[in-house]
Amino acid sequence: MLIGEVARRAGVSARMLRHYESLDLVRPTGRTAAGYRRYTAEDIRRIFHIESLRSLGLSLRDVGRALDEPGFTPSELVDDLIRRTRERIAGETELLTRLRRIGAAEPADWEDVLQTTALLQALGSKSAGRRQRAALSSVDEVPVPVEALVEAVLNETDPNVAGALRWALAQAGDGGWALLAEGLGSPAAEVRKRAVQALAEIPDDEATALLRGALTDPDPVVRGHAAPVLGARGVAEAIPTLLDMVAEETNAVDAADALSALAGRPATAEVIATRLVELLAPGTAGPSARRRLAEALADIPGPTASRALAGLSHDEDRTVALTAAYVLGLRDTH
């Protein structure tokens, strides 16, 4: 079979067949009287083997080794191909994400494309200062797609940069709910905490709904960031978590403020006061916990809170008793 027919059957150009010959990958078995290359069925089979191995990403050098070296083992080479393929996919995925974000910014011209690209690169910079400047400039100068801001918020470790990113996200108008919800479902508690902190700065119903879900988070730190925000927004489901925070001195001041905000409704105030009294049951709270509970009772209206404070004003611990007496005095003057 001559080279032209081999090229048609194998789907390989005649030029590539000559290149294979120059590399000694495949050689025609013979020549015609006129000097044309003649290939046998075995030659064609080898060409198909070469093309099959190339389709896996092997270099022509590795193809030659695989076909000709008796002791050649594929496992190490295949592992290397897997690693390189993953790296290539990661690179292509990153490029695709960047292109989608540029498209989402709806650039009017190539100047807009360049500005958006520069800002996206700055958000991924190793310099905290550069990331912070990018976050701040994203509001008034070059709009950044919301999903880029959400990703940056969920991954940022520097507190100053994180604050700037959360502010920029809140200013963007579209909170990126789906991505923030994914953040709340992350296996990493730190990522879930960042998602809650971002939602805390977005005062709308969608953010509040996602924060409600965070009340059942297995990590107390995550719950502790969500509950005071929800309490301030009038969400009564936050009460149990807020009470735990006061009793355990976990951001107790903010928790007490949130309970005070919720106590604006008489029925809710009575529920809060009753549960605070339960936490004061003998043998359940030490002196420091009783003092914090007395402070929390200060802004809870109603007779239940007053009776609890009156009892605490005679507490065996002098600090608790003085705190309760002082709070009672303030209540009497109002």
C-alpha atoms as a PDB file:
ATOM      1  CA  MET A   1       0.000   0.000   0.000  1.00  0.00           C
ATOM      2  CA  LEU A   2       1.457   3.373  -1.023  1.00  0.00           C
ATOM      3  CA  ILE A   3       1.762   6.390   1.220  1.00  0.00           C
ATOM      4  CA  GLY A   4      -1.259   8.236  -0.206  1.00  0.00           C
ATOM      5  CA  GLU A   5      -3.639   5.339   0.432  1.00  0.00           C
ATOM      6  CA  VAL A   6      -2.165   4.780   3.913  1.00  0.00           C
ATOM      7  CA  ALA A   7      -2.745   8.452   4.717  1.00  0.00           C
ATOM      8  CA  ARG A   8      -6.397   8.185   3.647  1.00  0.00           C
ATOM      9  CA  ARG A   9      -7.060   4.993   5.618  1.00  0.00           C
ATOM     10  CA  ALA A  10      -5.190   5.996   8.763  1.00  0.00           C
ATOM     11  CA  GLY A  11      -6.373   9.606   8.798  1.00  0.00           C
ATOM     12  CA  VAL A  12      -2.767  10.802   8.979  1.00  0.00           C
ATOM     13  CA  SER A  13      -1.289  13.179   6.437  1.00  0.00           C
ATOM     14  CA  ALA A  14       1.490  12.006   4.165  1.00  0.00           C
ATOM     15  CA  ARG A  15       3.644  14.749   5.616  1.00  0.00           C
ATOM     16  CA  MET A  16       3.122  13.382   9.144  1.00  0.00           C
ATOM     17  CA  LEU A  17       3.944   9.839   7.941  1.00  0.00           C
ATOM     18  CA  ARG A  18       7.247  11.127   6.590  1.00  0.00           C
ATOM     19  CA  HIS A  19       7.839  12.846   9.951  1.00  0.00           C
ATOM     20  CA  TYR A  20       7.206   9.538  11.750  1.00  0.00           C
ATOM     21  CA  GLU A  21       9.716   7.929   9.426  1.00  0.00           C
ATOM     22  CA  SER A  22      12.322  10.587  10.163  1.00  0.00           C
ATOM     23  CA  LEU A  23      11.909   9.839  13.890  1.00  0.00           C
ATOM     24  CA  ASP A  24      12.159   6.131  13.225  1.00  0.00           C
ATOM     25  CA  LEU A  25       8.680   5.561  14.643  1.00  0.00           C
ATOM     26  CA  VAL A  26       7.455   3.691  11.586  1.00  0.00           C
ATOM     27  CA  ARG A  27       9.270   2.734   8.384  1.00  0.00           C
ATOM     28  CA  PRO A  28       7.712   1.436   5.195  1.00  0.00           C
ATOM     29  CA  THR A  29       8.606  -2.221   4.751  1.00  0.00           C
ATOM     30  CA  GLY A  30       9.732  -1.739   1.195  1.00  0.00           C
ATOM     31  CA  ARG A  31       9.829   0.404  -1.917  1.00  0.00           C
ATOM     32  CA  THR A  32       8.286   0.017  -5.338  1.00  0.00           C
ATOM     33  CA  ALA A  33      10.436  -0.218  -8.452  1.00  0.00           C
ATOM     34  CA  ALA A  34       9.858   3.495  -8.903  1.00  0.00           C
ATOM     35  CA  GLY A  35      11.107   4.178  -5.339  1.00  0.00           C
ATOM     36  CA  TYR A  36       7.725   4.897  -3.697  1.00  0.00           C
ATOM     37  CA  ARG A  37       7.210   3.832  -0.095  1.00  0.00           C
ATOM     38  CA  ARG A  38       5.255   0.626   0.353  1.00  0.00           C
ATOM     39  CA  TYR A  39       3.492  -0.098   3.657  1.00  0.00           C
ATOM     40  CA  THR A  40       2.326  -3.500   4.895  1.00  0.00           C
ATOM     41  CA  ALA A  41      -0.625  -4.342   7.108  1.00  0.00           C
ATOM     42  CA  GLU A  42       1.782  -4.504  10.076  1.00  0.00           C
ATOM     43  CA  ASP A  43       3.064  -1.010   9.271  1.00  0.00           C
ATOM     44  CA  ILE A  44      -0.489   0.320   9.202  1.00  0.00           C
ATOM     45  CA  ARG A  45      -1.257  -1.394  12.502  1.00  0.00           C
ATOM     46  CA  ARG A  46       1.764   0.374  14.042  1.00  0.00           C
ATOM     47  CA  ILE A  47       0.537   3.711  12.692  1.00  0.00           C
ATOM     48  CA  PHE A  48      -2.826   3.154  14.396  1.00  0.00           C
ATOM     49  CA  HIS A  49      -0.986   2.322  17.638  1.00  0.00           C
ATOM     50  CA  ILE A  50       1.006   5.538  17.352  1.00  0.00           C
ATOM     51  CA  GLU A  51      -2.135   7.602  16.856  1.00  0.00           C
ATOM     52  CA  SER A  52      -3.881   5.894  19.774  1.00  0.00           C
ATOM     53  CA  LEU A  53      -1.014   6.698  22.151  1.00  0.00           C
ATOM     54  CA  ARG A  54      -0.806  10.269  20.876  1.00  0.00           C
ATOM     55  CA  SER A  55      -4.523  10.678  21.649  1.00  0.00           C
ATOM     56  CA  LEU A  56      -3.651  10.071  25.325  1.00  0.00           C
ATOM     57  CA  GLY A  57      -1.278  13.028  25.278  1.00  0.00           C
ATOM     58  CA  LEU A  58       2.006  11.122  24.927  1.00  0.00           C
ATOM     59  CA  SER A  59       4.853  12.853  23.165  1.00  0.00           C
ATOM     60  CA  LEU A  60       6.271  11.159  20.080  1.00  0.00           C
ATOM     61  CA  ARG A  61       9.367  10.305  22.111  1.00  0.00           C
ATOM     62  CA  ASP A  62       7.257   8.519  24.716  1.00  0.00           C
ATOM     63  CA  VAL A  63       5.272   6.807  21.963  1.00  0.00           C
ATOM     64  CA  GLY A  64       8.509   5.366  20.576  1.00  0.00           C
ATOM     65  CA  ARG A  65       9.543   4.130  24.023  1.00  0.00           C
ATOM     66  CA  ALA A  66       6.153   2.561  24.645  1.00  0.00           C
ATOM     67  CA  LEU A  67       6.239   0.663  21.364  1.00  0.00           C
ATOM     68  CA  ASP A  68       9.899  -0.351  21.209  1.00  0.00           C
ATOM     69  CA  GLU A  69      11.306  -0.722  24.752  1.00  0.00           C
ATOM     70  CA  PRO A  70      10.492  -4.209  26.117  1.00  0.00           C
ATOM     71  CA  GLY A  71      10.838  -3.139  29.764  1.00  0.00           C
ATOM     72  CA  PHE A  72       8.818   0.040  29.410  1.00  0.00           C
ATOM     73  CA  THR A  73       6.062   0.279  32.065  1.00  0.00           C
ATOM     74  CA  PRO A  74       3.189   2.713  31.502  1.00  0.00           C
ATOM     75  CA  SER A  75       2.115   3.389  35.102  1.00  0.00           C
ATOM     76  CA  GLU A  76       4.554   6.206  35.875  1.00  0.00           C
ATOM     77  CA  LEU A  77       3.956   7.874  32.519  1.00  0.00           C
ATOM     78  CA  VAL A  78       0.181   7.594  32.877  1.00  0.00           C
ATOM     79  CA  ASP A  79       0.369   9.158  36.360  1.00  0.00           C
ATOM     80  CA  ASP A  80       2.369  12.023  34.916  1.00  0.00           C
ATOM     81  CA  LEU A  81      -0.176  12.453  32.125  1.00  0.00           C
ATOM     82  CA  ILE A  82      -2.974  12.571  34.708  1.00  0.00           C
ATOM     83  CA  ARG A  83      -1.128  15.273  36.668  1.00  0.00           C
ATOM     84  CA  ARG A  84      -0.460  17.376  33.577  1.00  0.00           C
ATOM     85  CA  THR A  85      -4.028  16.968  32.360  1.00  0.00           C
ATOM     86  CA  ARG A  86      -5.386  18.121  35.717  1.00  0.00           C
ATOM     87  CA  GLU A  87      -3.106  21.151  35.645  1.00  0.00           C
ATOM     88  CA  ARG A  88      -4.239  21.975  32.129  1.00  0.00           C
ATOM     89  CA  ILE A  89      -7.909  21.588  33.066  1.00  0.00           C
ATOM     90  CA  ALA A  90      -7.396  23.813  36.115  1.00  0.00           C
ATOM     91  CA  GLY A  91      -5.749  26.436  33.938  1.00  0.00           C
ATOM     92  CA  GLU A  92      -8.495  26.273  31.325  1.00  0.00           C
ATOM     93  CA  THR A  93     -11.170  26.415  34.022  1.00  0.00           C
ATOM     94  CA  GLU A  94      -9.552  29.503  35.528  1.00  0.00           C
ATOM     95  CA  LEU A  95      -9.441  31.125  32.087  1.00  0.00           C
ATOM     96  CA  LEU A  96     -13.084  30.249  31.441  1.00  0.00           C
ATOM     97  CA  THR A  97     -14.094  31.737  34.791  1.00  0.00           C
ATOM     98  CA  ARG A  98     -12.189  34.935  34.054  1.00  0.00           C
ATOM     99  CA  LEU A  99     -13.770  35.255  30.612  1.00  0.00           C
ATOM    100  CA  ARG A 100     -17.250  34.698  32.037  1.00  0.00           C
ATOM    101  CA  ARG A 101     -16.671  37.394  34.630  1.00  0.00           C
ATOM    102  CA  ILE A 102     -15.443  39.841  32.028  1.00  0.00           C
ATOM    103  CA  GLY A 103     -18.534  39.051  29.976  1.00  0.00           C
ATOM    104  CA  ALA A 104     -20.765  39.565  33.021  1.00  0.00           C
ATOM    105  CA  ALA A 105     -19.299  43.069  33.421  1.00  0.00           C
ATOM    106  CA  GLU A 106     -20.733  43.872  29.960  1.00  0.00           C
ATOM    107  CA  PRO A 107     -17.701  45.786  28.684  1.00  0.00           C
ATOM    108  CA  ALA A 108     -18.457  48.458  26.095  1.00  0.00           C
ATOM    109  CA  ASP A 109     -15.013  48.387  24.533  1.00  0.00           C
ATOM    110  CA  TRP A 110     -11.561  46.856  24.902  1.00  0.00           C
ATOM    111  CA  GLU A 111     -10.583  49.524  27.414  1.00  0.00           C
ATOM    112  CA  ASP A 112     -13.320  48.207  29.702  1.00  0.00           C
ATOM    113  CA  VAL A 113     -12.058  44.661  29.148  1.00  0.00           C
ATOM    114  CA  LEU A 114      -8.523  45.668  30.109  1.00  0.00           C
ATOM    115  CA  GLN A 115      -9.700  47.526  33.226  1.00  0.00           C
ATOM    116  CA  THR A 116     -11.864  44.636  34.391  1.00  0.00           C
ATOM    117  CA  THR A 117      -9.046  42.161  33.743  1.00  0.00           C
ATOM    118  CA  ALA A 118      -6.604  44.293  35.734  1.00  0.00           C
ATOM    119  CA  LEU A 119      -9.060  44.528  38.637  1.00  0.00           C
ATOM    120  CA  LEU A 120      -9.677  40.776  38.664  1.00  0.00           C
ATOM    121  CA  GLN A 121      -5.925  40.191  38.715  1.00  0.00           C
ATOM    122  CA  ALA A 122      -5.570  42.657  41.593  1.00  0.00           C
ATOM    123  CA  LEU A 123      -8.232  40.795  43.588  1.00  0.00           C
ATOM    124  CA  GLY A 124      -6.074  37.687  43.265  1.00  0.00           C
ATOM    125  CA  SER A 125      -2.826  39.458  44.158  1.00  0.00           C
ATOM    126  CA  LYS A 126      -0.562  38.243  46.951  1.00  0.00           C
ATOM    127  CA  SER A 127      -0.432  41.821  48.253  1.00  0.00           C
ATOM    128  CA  ALA A 128      -3.134  42.540  50.828  1.00  0.00           C
ATOM    129  CA  GLY A 129      -2.903  46.269  50.089  1.00  0.00           C
ATOM    130  CA  ARG A 130      -3.468  45.703  46.383  1.00  0.00           C
ATOM    131  CA  ARG A 131      -6.445  43.442  47.062  1.00  0.00           C
ATOM    132  CA  GLN A 132      -7.954  46.046  49.377  1.00  0.00           C
ATOM    133  CA  ARG A 133      -7.522  48.851  46.820  1.00  0.00           C
ATOM    134  CA  ALA A 134      -9.129  46.659  44.187  1.00  0.00           C
ATOM    135  CA  ALA A 135     -12.108  45.974  46.444  1.00  0.00           C
ATOM    136  CA  LEU A 136     -12.623  49.663  47.170  1.00  0.00           C
ATOM    137  CA  SER A 137     -12.201  50.756  43.550  1.00  0.00           C
ATOM    138  CA  SER A 138     -14.681  48.125  42.361  1.00  0.00           C
ATOM    139  CA  VAL A 139     -17.553  50.262  43.633  1.00  0.00           C
ATOM    140  CA  ASP A 140     -16.944  53.608  41.914  1.00  0.00           C
ATOM    141  CA  GLU A 141     -14.394  52.921  39.194  1.00  0.00           C
ATOM    142  CA  VAL A 142     -14.509  49.503  37.511  1.00  0.00           C
ATOM    143  CA  PRO A 143     -17.518  47.284  38.244  1.00  0.00           C
ATOM    144  CA  VAL A 144     -16.563  43.751  39.244  1.00  0.00           C
ATOM    145  CA  PRO A 145     -18.912  40.823  38.631  1.00  0.00           C
ATOM    146  CA  VAL A 146     -20.621  39.857  41.883  1.00  0.00           C
ATOM    147  CA  GLU A 147     -19.432  36.249  41.695  1.00  0.00           C
ATOM    148  CA  ALA A 148     -15.813  37.474  41.681  1.00  0.00           C
ATOM    149  CA  LEU A 149     -16.472  39.528  44.818  1.00  0.00           C
ATOM    150  CA  VAL A 150     -18.187  36.587  46.542  1.00  0.00           C
ATOM    151  CA  GLU A 151     -15.293  34.260  45.735  1.00  0.00           C
ATOM    152  CA  ALA A 152     -12.840  36.835  47.073  1.00  0.00           C
ATOM    153  CA  VAL A 153     -14.916  37.315  50.241  1.00  0.00           C
ATOM    154  CA  LEU A 154     -15.060  33.574  50.938  1.00  0.00           C
ATOM    155  CA  ASN A 155     -11.303  33.138  50.489  1.00  0.00           C
ATOM    156  CA  GLU A 156      -9.912  36.310  52.088  1.00  0.00           C
ATOM    157  CA  THR A 157      -7.869  35.852  55.273  1.00  0.00           C
ATOM    158  CA  ASP A 158      -6.772  39.436  55.899  1.00  0.00           C
ATOM    159  CA  PRO A 159      -9.405  41.163  58.116  1.00  0.00           C
ATOM    160  CA  ASN A 160      -8.953  44.605  56.554  1.00  0.00           C
ATOM    161  CA  VAL A 161      -9.258  43.300  53.011  1.00  0.00           C
ATOM    162  CA  ALA A 162     -12.208  41.131  54.042  1.00  0.00           C
ATOM    163  CA  GLY A 163     -14.019  44.189  55.413  1.00  0.00           C
ATOM    164  CA  ALA A 164     -13.463  46.095  52.182  1.00  0.00           C
ATOM    165  CA  LEU A 165     -14.688  43.153  50.123  1.00  0.00           C
ATOM    166  CA  ARG A 166     -17.830  42.735  52.228  1.00  0.00           C
ATOM    167  CA  TRP A 167     -18.563  46.439  51.852  1.00  0.00           C
ATOM    168  CA  ALA A 168     -18.072  46.244  48.091  1.00  0.00           C
ATOM    169  CA  LEU A 169     -20.350  43.207  47.893  1.00  0.00           C
ATOM    170  CA  ALA A 170     -23.064  44.972  49.889  1.00  0.00           C
ATOM    171  CA  GLN A 171     -22.801  47.974  47.539  1.00  0.00           C
ATOM    172  CA  ALA A 172     -23.077  45.786  44.451  1.00  0.00           C
ATOM    173  CA  GLY A 173     -26.831  45.407  44.874  1.00  0.00           C
ATOM    174  CA  ASP A 174     -26.909  41.741  43.865  1.00  0.00           C
ATOM    175  CA  GLY A 175     -25.681  39.667  46.793  1.00  0.00           C
ATOM    176  CA  GLY A 176     -24.688  36.612  44.800  1.00  0.00           C
ATOM    177  CA  TRP A 177     -27.071  34.463  46.819  1.00  0.00           C
ATOM    178  CA  ALA A 178     -26.303  31.152  45.134  1.00  0.00           C
ATOM    179  CA  LEU A 179     -22.566  31.486  45.735  1.00  0.00           C
ATOM    180  CA  LEU A 180     -23.023  32.655  49.322  1.00  0.00           C
ATOM    181  CA  ALA A 181     -25.343  29.698  49.908  1.00  0.00           C
ATOM    182  CA  GLU A 182     -22.573  27.444  48.588  1.00  0.00           C
ATOM    183  CA  GLY A 183     -20.234  29.122  51.059  1.00  0.00           C
ATOM    184  CA  LEU A 184     -22.629  28.302  53.895  1.00  0.00           C
ATOM    185  CA  GLY A 185     -22.490  24.671  52.792  1.00  0.00           C
ATOM    186  CA  SER A 186     -18.693  24.510  52.722  1.00  0.00           C
ATOM    187  CA  PRO A 187     -17.036  21.775  54.798  1.00  0.00           C
ATOM    188  CA  ALA A 188     -14.678  24.453  56.153  1.00  0.00           C
ATOM    189  CA  ALA A 189     -16.108  26.342  59.151  1.00  0.00           C
ATOM    190  CA  GLU A 190     -13.931  29.354  58.336  1.00  0.00           C
ATOM    191  CA  VAL A 191     -15.528  29.692  54.891  1.00  0.00           C
ATOM    192  CA  ARG A 192     -19.008  29.382  56.406  1.00  0.00           C
ATOM    193  CA  LYS A 193     -18.133  32.104  58.909  1.00  0.00           C
ATOM    194  CA  ARG A 194     -17.012  34.429  56.100  1.00  0.00           C
ATOM    195  CA  ALA A 195     -20.258  33.778  54.256  1.00  0.00           C
ATOM    196  CA  VAL A 196     -22.246  34.726  57.378  1.00  0.00           C
ATOM    197  CA  GLN A 197     -20.176  37.879  57.858  1.00  0.00           C
ATOM    198  CA  ALA A 198     -20.865  38.904  54.264  1.00  0.00           C
ATOM    199  CA  LEU A 199     -24.602  38.252  54.622  1.00  0.00           C
ATOM    200  CA  ALA A 200     -24.656  40.267  57.842  1.00  0.00           C
ATOM    201  CA  GLU A 201     -23.866  43.409  55.845  1.00  0.00           C
ATOM    202  CA  ILE A 202     -26.642  42.841  53.296  1.00  0.00           C
ATOM    203  CA  PRO A 203     -29.931  43.982  54.890  1.00  0.00           C
ATOM    204  CA  ASP A 204     -32.517  42.224  52.731  1.00  0.00           C
ATOM    205  CA  ASP A 205     -34.847  39.242  52.927  1.00  0.00           C
ATOM    206  CA  GLU A 206     -32.649  36.889  50.908  1.00  0.00           C
ATOM    207  CA  ALA A 207     -29.694  37.465  53.223  1.00  0.00           C
ATOM    208  CA  THR A 208     -31.892  37.032  56.293  1.00  0.00           C
ATOM    209  CA  ALA A 209     -33.248  33.738  54.974  1.00  0.00           C
ATOM    210  CA  LEU A 210     -29.741  32.369  54.469  1.00  0.00           C
ATOM    211  CA  LEU A 211     -28.695  33.557  57.928  1.00  0.00           C
ATOM    212  CA  ARG A 212     -31.604  31.644  59.462  1.00  0.00           C
ATOM    213  CA  GLY A 213     -30.101  28.462  58.059  1.00  0.00           C
ATOM    214  CA  ALA A 214     -26.777  29.306  59.717  1.00  0.00           C
ATOM    215  CA  LEU A 215     -28.444  28.994  63.151  1.00  0.00           C
ATOM    216  CA  THR A 216     -28.210  25.215  62.771  1.00  0.00           C
ATOM    217  CA  ASP A 217     -24.546  25.249  61.788  1.00  0.00           C
ATOM    218  CA  PRO A 218     -22.482  22.700  63.762  1.00  0.00           C
ATOM    219  CA  ASP A 219     -19.825  25.295  64.529  1.00  0.00           C
ATOM    220  CA  PRO A 220     -20.666  27.636  67.452  1.00  0.00           C
ATOM    221  CA  VAL A 221     -18.575  30.444  65.966  1.00  0.00           C
ATOM    222  CA  VAL A 222     -20.660  30.431  62.798  1.00  0.00           C
ATOM    223  CA  ARG A 223     -23.892  30.393  64.816  1.00  0.00           C
ATOM    224  CA  GLY A 224     -22.477  33.154  67.002  1.00  0.00           C
ATOM    225  CA  HIS A 225     -21.967  35.428  63.999  1.00  0.00           C
ATOM    226  CA  ALA A 226     -25.432  34.771  62.590  1.00  0.00           C
ATOM    227  CA  ALA A 227     -27.560  35.029  65.750  1.00  0.00           C
ATOM    228  CA  PRO A 228     -26.887  38.686  66.762  1.00  0.00           C
ATOM    229  CA  VAL A 229     -27.598  39.851  63.217  1.00  0.00           C
ATOM    230  CA  LEU A 230     -30.848  37.913  63.115  1.00  0.00           C
ATOM    231  CA  GLY A 231     -31.810  39.177  66.574  1.00  0.00           C
ATOM    232  CA  ALA A 232     -31.298  42.751  65.443  1.00  0.00           C
ATOM    233  CA  ARG A 233     -33.547  41.988  62.465  1.00  0.00           C
ATOM    234  CA  GLY A 234     -36.297  40.698  64.739  1.00  0.00           C
ATOM    235  CA  VAL A 235     -35.903  36.980  64.040  1.00  0.00           C
ATOM    236  CA  ALA A 236     -37.061  35.188  67.196  1.00  0.00           C
ATOM    237  CA  GLU A 237     -35.482  31.862  66.095  1.00  0.00           C
ATOM    238  CA  ALA A 238     -32.150  33.349  67.146  1.00  0.00           C
ATOM    239  CA  ILE A 239     -33.141  33.488  70.843  1.00  0.00           C
ATOM    240  CA  PRO A 240     -31.772  30.046  71.909  1.00  0.00           C
ATOM    241  CA  THR A 241     -28.401  30.722  70.309  1.00  0.00           C
ATOM    242  CA  LEU A 242     -28.252  34.212  71.813  1.00  0.00           C
ATOM    243  CA  LEU A 243     -28.990  32.837  75.264  1.00  0.00           C
ATOM    244  CA  ASP A 244     -26.218  30.269  74.893  1.00  0.00           C
ATOM    245  CA  MET A 245     -23.843  33.029  73.856  1.00  0.00           C
ATOM    246  CA  VAL A 246     -24.627  35.058  76.975  1.00  0.00           C
ATOM    247  CA  ALA A 247     -24.263  32.055  79.262  1.00  0.00           C
ATOM    248  CA  GLU A 248     -20.984  30.942  77.642  1.00  0.00           C
ATOM    249  CA  GLU A 249     -19.557  34.478  77.245  1.00  0.00           C
ATOM    250  CA  THR A 250     -19.285  34.136  73.465  1.00  0.00           C
ATOM    251  CA  ASN A 251     -19.709  37.640  72.088  1.00  0.00           C
ATOM    252  CA  ALA A 252     -22.012  38.144  75.058  1.00  0.00           C
ATOM    253  CA  VAL A 253     -22.421  41.923  74.686  1.00  0.00           C
ATOM    254  CA  ASP A 254     -23.714  41.698  71.116  1.00  0.00           C
ATOM    255  CA  ALA A 255     -25.917  38.763  72.098  1.00  0.00           C
ATOM    256  CA  ALA A 256     -27.444  40.754  74.963  1.00  0.00           C
ATOM    257  CA  ASP A 257     -28.054  43.732  72.650  1.00  0.00           C
ATOM    258  CA  ALA A 258     -29.820  41.436  70.178  1.00  0.00           C
ATOM    259  CA  LEU A 259     -32.001  39.986  72.964  1.00  0.00           C
ATOM    260  CA  SER A 260     -32.884  43.521  74.017  1.00  0.00           C
ATOM    261  CA  ALA A 261     -33.944  44.325  70.452  1.00  0.00           C
ATOM    262  CA  LEU A 262     -36.127  41.219  70.334  1.00  0.00           C
ATOM    263  CA  ALA A 263     -37.703  42.079  73.695  1.00  0.00           C
ATOM    264  CA  GLY A 264     -39.588  44.994  72.176  1.00  0.00           C
ATOM    265  CA  ARG A 265     -42.647  42.755  71.902  1.00  0.00           C
ATOM    266  CA  PRO A 266     -44.108  41.852  75.343  1.00  0.00           C
ATOM    267  CA  ALA A 267     -44.715  38.196  74.479  1.00  0.00           C
ATOM    268  CA  THR A 268     -41.162  37.762  73.219  1.00  0.00           C
ATOM    269  CA  ALA A 269     -39.778  39.636  76.229  1.00  0.00           C
ATOM    270  CA  GLU A 270     -41.523  37.176  78.540  1.00  0.00           C
ATOM    271  CA  VAL A 271     -40.076  34.206  76.632  1.00  0.00           C
ATOM    272  CA  ILE A 272     -36.565  35.657  76.868  1.00  0.00           C
ATOM    273  CA  ALA A 273     -36.894  36.471  80.570  1.00  0.00           C
ATOM    274  CA  THR A 274     -38.230  32.979  81.354  1.00  0.00           C
ATOM    275  CA  ARG A 275     -35.343  31.319  79.590  1.00  0.00           C
ATOM    276  CA  LEU A 276     -32.807  33.565  81.283  1.00  0.00           C
ATOM    277  CA  VAL A 277     -34.297  32.591  84.632  1.00  0.00           C
ATOM    278  CA  GLU A 278     -33.966  28.915  83.686  1.00  0.00           C
ATOM    279  CA  LEU A 279     -30.288  29.488  83.054  1.00  0.00           C
ATOM    280  CA  LEU A 280     -30.019  30.934  86.571  1.00  0.00           C
ATOM    281  CA  ALA A 281     -31.331  27.776  88.238  1.00  0.00           C
ATOM    282  CA  PRO A 282     -29.212  26.724  91.222  1.00  0.00           C
ATOM    283  CA  GLY A 283     -26.159  24.751  90.267  1.00  0.00           C
ATOM    284  CA  THR A 284     -26.366  25.620  86.562  1.00  0.00           C
ATOM    285  CA  ALA A 285     -24.403  28.877  86.380  1.00  0.00           C
ATOM    286  CA  GLY A 286     -21.241  30.100  88.055  1.00  0.00           C
ATOM    287  CA  PRO A 287     -20.723  33.650  89.346  1.00  0.00           C
ATOM    288  CA  SER A 288     -19.422  35.090  86.051  1.00  0.00           C
ATOM    289  CA  ALA A 289     -22.323  33.531  84.125  1.00  0.00           C
ATOM    290  CA  ARG A 290     -24.825  34.902  86.682  1.00  0.00           C
ATOM    291  CA  ARG A 291     -23.320  38.372  86.317  1.00  0.00           C
ATOM    292  CA  ARG A 292     -23.669  38.226  82.518  1.00  0.00           C
ATOM    293  CA  LEU A 293     -27.228  36.964  82.815  1.00  0.00           C
ATOM    294  CA  ALA A 294     -28.029  39.824  85.194  1.00  0.00           C
ATOM    295  CA  GLU A 295     -26.639  42.285  82.651  1.00  0.00           C
ATOM    296  CA  ALA A 296     -28.716  40.640  79.913  1.00  0.00           C
ATOM    297  CA  LEU A 297     -31.854  40.961  82.071  1.00  0.00           C
ATOM    298  CA  ALA A 298     -31.272  44.705  82.365  1.00  0.00           C
ATOM    299  CA  ASP A 299     -32.973  45.530  79.072  1.00  0.00           C
ATOM    300  CA  ILE A 300     -35.673  42.864  79.196  1.00  0.00           C
ATOM    301  CA  PRO A 301     -38.943  44.488  80.357  1.00  0.00           C
ATOM    302  CA  GLY A 302     -41.584  42.792  82.439  1.00  0.00           C
ATOM    303  CA  PRO A 303     -42.128  41.356  85.927  1.00  0.00           C
ATOM    304  CA  THR A 304     -40.287  38.086  85.312  1.00  0.00           C
ATOM    305  CA  ALA A 305     -37.028  39.901  84.627  1.00  0.00           C
ATOM    306  CA  SER A 306     -37.575  42.205  87.606  1.00  0.00           C
ATOM    307  CA  ARG A 307     -38.150  39.299  89.997  1.00  0.00           C
ATOM    308  CA  ALA A 308     -35.037  37.520  88.719  1.00  0.00           C
ATOM    309  CA  LEU A 309     -32.941  40.630  89.251  1.00  0.00           C
ATOM    310  CA  ALA A 310     -34.363  41.100  92.747  1.00  0.00           C
ATOM    311  CA  GLY A 311     -33.259  37.582  93.598  1.00  0.00           C
ATOM    312  CA  LEU A 312     -29.803  38.153  92.106  1.00  0.00           C
ATOM    313  CA  SER A 313     -29.385  41.327  94.180  1.00  0.00           C
ATOM    314  CA  HIS A 314     -29.007  38.980  97.180  1.00  0.00           C
ATOM    315  CA  ASP A 315     -26.620  36.627  95.371  1.00  0.00           C
ATOM    316  CA  GLU A 316     -23.827  35.093  97.457  1.00  0.00           C
ATOM    317  CA  ASP A 317     -21.316  36.531  95.003  1.00  0.00           C
ATOM    318  CA  ARG A 318     -20.828  40.230  95.797  1.00  0.00           C
ATOM    319  CA  THR A 319     -20.147  41.225  92.174  1.00  0.00           C
ATOM    320  CA  VAL A 320     -23.319  39.521  90.958  1.00  0.00           C
ATOM    321  CA  ALA A 321     -25.368  41.086  93.768  1.00  0.00           C
ATOM    322  CA  LEU A 322     -24.027  44.588  93.090  1.00  0.00           C
ATOM    323  CA  THR A 323     -24.608  44.222  89.355  1.00  0.00           C
ATOM    324  CA  ALA A 324     -28.197  43.094  89.866  1.00  0.00           C
ATOM    325  CA  ALA A 325     -28.883  45.847  92.399  1.00  0.00           C
ATOM    326  CA  TYR A 326     -27.478  48.485  90.052  1.00  0.00           C
ATOM    327  CA  VAL A 327     -29.604  47.191  87.165  1.00  0.00           C
ATOM    328  CA  LEU A 328     -32.714  47.183  89.376  1.00  0.00           C
ATOM    329  CA  GLY A 329     -31.994  50.780  90.319  1.00  0.00           C
ATOM    330  CA  LEU A 330     -31.836  51.765  86.677  1.00  0.00           C
ATOM    331  CA  ARG A 331     -35.139  49.994  85.956  1.00  0.00           C
ATOM    332  CA  ASP A 332     -36.828  51.793  88.837  1.00  0.00           C
ATOM    333  CA  THR A 333     -35.849  55.190  87.446  1.00  0.00           C
ATOM    334  CA  HIS A 334     -37.441  54.505  84.069  1.00  0.00           C
END
